[in-house]
Amino acid sequence: MKTIFISGATGYVAQHIIKLLLQEGYSVVGSVRSTTKGEKLKERFNSENFNYEVVEKLENAGAFDQSLINHPEIDAFIHTASPVIMNAVDPVKDTMIPALEGTMNALNAIHAHGKNIKKVVFTSSYVALADLLNPGTAATEDSWNSVTWEQALKDGRLAYYASKKYAEMAVWDYVQQNKVNFSVTSINPAYVFGPQAFDVDAKGTLNLSADMICSLLKLKDGDEIPTKRRPFIDVRDLAKAHILAIENEYGGERLLLAESNFSLQSALNIIREQFPHLHLPSGNPDADGTDDLFDNTKTRQLLGFELTDLETSVHDMIAQYLNNDKGIF
């Protein structure tokens, strides 16, 4: 049985990855910020093949060293942990440093203590390769955003874009500059939709993307609905891509995970059609903005499976949300 280490194990995406790994017969060690969170997660998964290690802060020097020393059996490392703060008060302290230092700490630990680790999967982001400051430029598996470090210092959102870009660049630089015994695949997902890994989590604080869609359930007549369009990916497809990156020879590849574009208006249209009993405002059903341009033909060919469409992803997310009383009706 192969053992996979996954950082940020309590995250929305990470829980789906762990769930799928356990279903496919892997043993999993996940990093969490506290014993309390680890025990809660262990109870959720209810599997003797899931264990956890406490990593309080990603940016602390040697953050992952002891975890890998404790588990020399680990075969692959999936690094999902990274801050998602769009409006940081201190962009450097709150976003840039944790992302960069956390990534370097993971790589250094793998290099020094992961003697059996042959594959590393780095969860990056669509914003690392999409030039959102220059609309009209198509994102591909080879592109990078144009945000500079200086721009990031002045804007929390740009700091998030930059943190993803520079953290991923650091990964590729590390592989080139060091004699490593592992291959790396980066996975760059767009907005992530779909249900939580566990129904009970639909009652709690949702991740940014899921909350954006579920907040449509609170719409009132006259509320403005943005028509800006961005790509999305279903979380279940994203989890599957991480598993395939471990099981196949995707070393050196960047995978752009996006199914199609959406807008909040198009998501609302789907919710109104599939859940008519909610009697939500219609907004402007025919209004829509301009698509973000992306070409992930290469990624789709490598993965070899059909991606979940927007209708299914939104339906499953909203159905779960409604079935777990949020106290909004």
Foldseek 3Di string as FASTA:
>chain_A
DAEEEEEPCVDQLNVLLVLVCVVVPYQYEYEDQDVVVQVVSCVVSVDPSYHYDHQNALLPALSCQVVLQVPLRHAEYEYPDADDWFADPFLCVRHQRSLQSSLVSVVVNCQPRNPNHAEYEYEFAQLQFAQPVDFPDAGEQPGGHDQDPVNLRVGSNSSNSVSRNVNVVVVVVPPVVDDGNYFYEYEHFYQEFAAGSDLQCLQDDDPPSLCLQLCLLVDDPPDAFDQDKEFHAYSNVVSLLVVVSSVDPQGPTYAYGTQFIDGSLRLVVLCCVVPVVSVGDNHDNVDHDDYGHYDRVVNCVSSVDHTDDPSVRSVRHNVSSVVNDNPPD
